[in-house]
Amino acid sequence: MRTHPAIRRDTSAWKAQVWISFGTAVTLCATGLAWLPGEDIHRAFMVMGYVFCLSSAFALAKFVRDNEIRKTDTPMWKLVVWGGFGVSMALTAWGLWRMGINPTYKAYLGVSWLFLISSVFTLAKTLRDAHEADLAQARMEGAALRPASTQDAA
């Protein structure tokens, strides 16, 4: 009889913490951007910067995880993903730095932005871990359903 390794899953408390953290970061950023003093064009620039950072961070997290064991992506895609993340972070930081607003407000926007980026990486990892655990469980259940003669051959 074969024994199967235990499938490691995150606890409900961890998943709740990750989702609450991500939701809090999004709320803090949205609140800061909604009340951003100045012209609408500045607010629009910062919203686009935050969304660009958000999407590029998810893409980077997926890229890193996909290439963890072996390289599956081309060097050009690596340049696009890392470059996109670097450009999004640099442009958003530059826009925040150059914006003519109170330094305290800049600090709030900066800290909430970094909180958002860090929570994106944590959320992406948690979602990917859950997906991989589901795949492992499906494989184990599929193997358990196969006839014994097929299992011995595998």
Protein backbone atom coordinates (compact mmCIF):
# COMPACT_ATOMS: atom_id res chain seq x y z
CA MET A 1 0.00 0.00 0.00
CA ARG A 2 1.30 3.41 -0.92
CA THR A 3 1.27 6.31 1.49
CA HIS A 4 0.72 9.79 0.17
CA PRO A 5 2.42 12.85 1.63
CA ALA A 6 0.17 15.28 3.44
CA ILE A 7 -0.98 18.22 1.43
CA ARG A 8 0.09 21.44 3.07
CA ARG A 9 -2.61 24.11 3.17
CA ASP A 10 -2.73 27.56 4.69
CA THR A 11 -4.90 28.02 7.75
CA SER A 12 -8.17 29.92 7.60
CA ALA A 13 -6.66 32.52 9.91
CA TRP A 14 -3.76 33.11 7.52
CA LYS A 15 -6.09 33.40 4.50
CA ALA A 16 -8.29 35.86 6.41
CA GLN A 17 -5.25 37.90 7.42
CA VAL A 18 -4.00 38.04 3.83
CA TRP A 19 -7.37 39.12 2.40
CA ILE A 20 -7.97 41.64 5.20
CA SER A 21 -4.49 43.06 4.68
CA PHE A 22 -5.02 43.38 0.92
CA GLY A 23 -8.47 44.93 1.40
CA THR A 24 -7.09 47.38 3.95
CA ALA A 25 -4.26 48.39 1.63
CA VAL A 26 -6.66 48.93 -1.29
CA THR A 27 -9.00 50.95 0.94
CA LEU A 28 -6.18 53.11 2.31
CA CYS A 29 -4.84 53.79 -1.19
CA ALA A 30 -8.30 54.51 -2.60
CA THR A 31 -9.08 56.86 0.27
CA GLY A 32 -5.80 58.72 -0.13
CA LEU A 33 -6.24 59.04 -3.88
CA ALA A 34 -9.90 60.06 -3.64
CA TRP A 35 -9.04 62.93 -1.28
CA LEU A 36 -5.82 63.87 -3.05
CA PRO A 37 -5.59 67.66 -3.13
CA GLY A 38 -4.84 69.37 -6.42
CA GLU A 39 -5.96 68.96 -9.98
CA ASP A 40 -7.89 66.05 -11.40
CA ILE A 41 -5.02 65.29 -13.81
CA HIS A 42 -2.69 64.68 -10.86
CA ARG A 43 -5.23 62.39 -9.22
CA ALA A 44 -5.68 60.51 -12.52
CA PHE A 45 -1.91 60.09 -12.88
CA MET A 46 -1.59 58.65 -9.39
CA VAL A 47 -4.56 56.30 -9.84
CA MET A 48 -3.02 55.00 -13.08
CA GLY A 49 0.33 54.63 -11.33
CA TYR A 50 -1.17 52.64 -8.47
CA VAL A 51 -3.12 50.38 -10.85
CA PHE A 52 0.00 49.89 -13.01
CA CYS A 53 1.99 48.94 -9.89
CA LEU A 54 -0.76 46.60 -8.75
CA SER A 55 -0.99 44.72 -12.05
CA SER A 56 2.77 44.57 -12.59
CA ALA A 57 3.29 43.22 -9.05
CA PHE A 58 0.81 40.40 -9.70
CA ALA A 59 2.55 39.65 -13.02
CA LEU A 60 5.96 39.62 -11.34
CA ALA A 61 4.75 37.32 -8.55
CA LYS A 62 3.38 34.88 -11.13
CA PHE A 63 6.55 35.06 -13.23
CA VAL A 64 8.82 34.35 -10.25
CA ARG A 65 6.67 31.45 -9.09
CA ASP A 66 6.38 29.94 -12.59
CA ASN A 67 10.16 29.98 -12.97
CA GLU A 68 10.98 28.79 -9.46
CA ILE A 69 11.91 25.20 -10.33
CA ARG A 70 12.87 25.59 -13.96
CA LYS A 71 12.85 28.40 -16.47
CA THR A 72 9.62 28.30 -18.41
CA ASP A 73 9.57 31.83 -19.86
CA THR A 74 11.75 33.53 -22.45
CA PRO A 75 14.40 36.10 -21.53
CA MET A 76 12.34 38.75 -23.34
CA TRP A 77 9.30 38.01 -21.16
CA LYS A 78 11.56 38.24 -18.10
CA LEU A 79 12.65 41.70 -19.30
CA VAL A 80 9.04 42.75 -19.88
CA VAL A 81 7.86 41.58 -16.45
CA TRP A 82 10.78 42.92 -14.42
CA GLY A 83 10.96 46.07 -16.55
CA GLY A 84 7.23 46.70 -16.20
CA PHE A 85 7.43 46.35 -12.44
CA GLY A 86 10.49 48.62 -12.23
CA VAL A 87 8.98 51.26 -14.50
CA SER A 88 5.64 51.22 -12.66
CA MET A 89 7.32 51.64 -9.29
CA ALA A 90 9.74 54.31 -10.54
CA LEU A 91 7.09 56.39 -12.33
CA THR A 92 4.70 56.23 -9.40
CA ALA A 93 7.47 57.16 -6.96
CA TRP A 94 8.56 60.02 -9.24
CA GLY A 95 4.98 61.30 -9.54
CA LEU A 96 4.49 61.13 -5.80
CA TRP A 97 7.81 62.87 -5.14
CA ARG A 98 7.13 65.67 -7.62
CA MET A 99 3.56 66.27 -6.55
CA GLY A 100 3.09 69.62 -4.83
CA ILE A 101 1.24 68.43 -1.74
CA ASN A 102 1.82 68.41 2.01
CA PRO A 103 4.75 66.10 2.99
CA THR A 104 2.51 64.33 5.52
CA TYR A 105 0.03 63.51 2.75
CA LYS A 106 2.92 62.29 0.55
CA ALA A 107 4.05 60.03 3.38
CA TYR A 108 0.54 58.63 3.78
CA LEU A 109 0.27 57.91 0.04
CA GLY A 110 3.77 56.41 -0.03
CA VAL A 111 3.25 54.10 2.93
CA SER A 112 -0.19 52.95 1.74
CA TRP A 113 1.27 52.32 -1.75
CA LEU A 114 4.12 50.18 -0.36
CA PHE A 115 1.63 48.35 1.87
CA LEU A 116 -0.45 47.62 -1.25
CA ILE A 117 2.54 46.23 -3.15
CA SER A 118 3.68 44.01 -0.28
CA SER A 119 0.15 42.70 0.27
CA VAL A 120 -0.13 41.90 -3.46
CA PHE A 121 2.88 39.60 -3.26
CA THR A 122 1.50 37.89 -0.17
CA LEU A 123 -1.94 37.47 -1.74
CA ALA A 124 -0.47 36.12 -4.98
CA LYS A 125 1.57 33.54 -3.06
CA THR A 126 -1.39 32.49 -0.93
CA LEU A 127 -3.64 32.06 -3.98
CA ARG A 128 -0.97 30.09 -5.85
CA ASP A 129 -0.31 27.84 -2.83
CA ALA A 130 -4.03 27.05 -2.59
CA HIS A 131 -4.17 26.26 -6.31
CA GLU A 132 -1.16 23.94 -6.09
CA ALA A 133 -2.64 22.17 -3.05
CA ASP A 134 -5.90 21.65 -4.96
CA LEU A 135 -3.96 20.19 -7.91
CA ALA A 136 -1.99 17.85 -5.63
CA GLN A 137 -5.18 16.66 -3.97
CA ALA A 138 -6.86 16.04 -7.34
CA ARG A 139 -3.82 14.02 -8.48
CA MET A 140 -3.89 11.94 -5.29
CA GLU A 141 -7.62 11.30 -5.61
CA GLY A 142 -7.18 10.38 -9.27
CA ALA A 143 -4.38 7.96 -8.39
CA ALA A 144 -6.52 6.38 -5.66
CA LEU A 145 -9.32 5.73 -8.15
CA ARG A 146 -7.09 3.97 -10.70
CA PRO A 147 -7.10 0.16 -10.68
CA ALA A 148 -4.26 -1.48 -8.76
CA SER A 149 -2.68 -2.93 -11.93
CA THR A 150 -2.41 0.58 -13.41
CA GLN A 151 -0.91 1.99 -10.22
CA ASP A 152 1.77 -0.70 -10.06
CA ALA A 153 2.83 0.12 -13.62
CA ALA A 154 3.18 3.82 -12.76
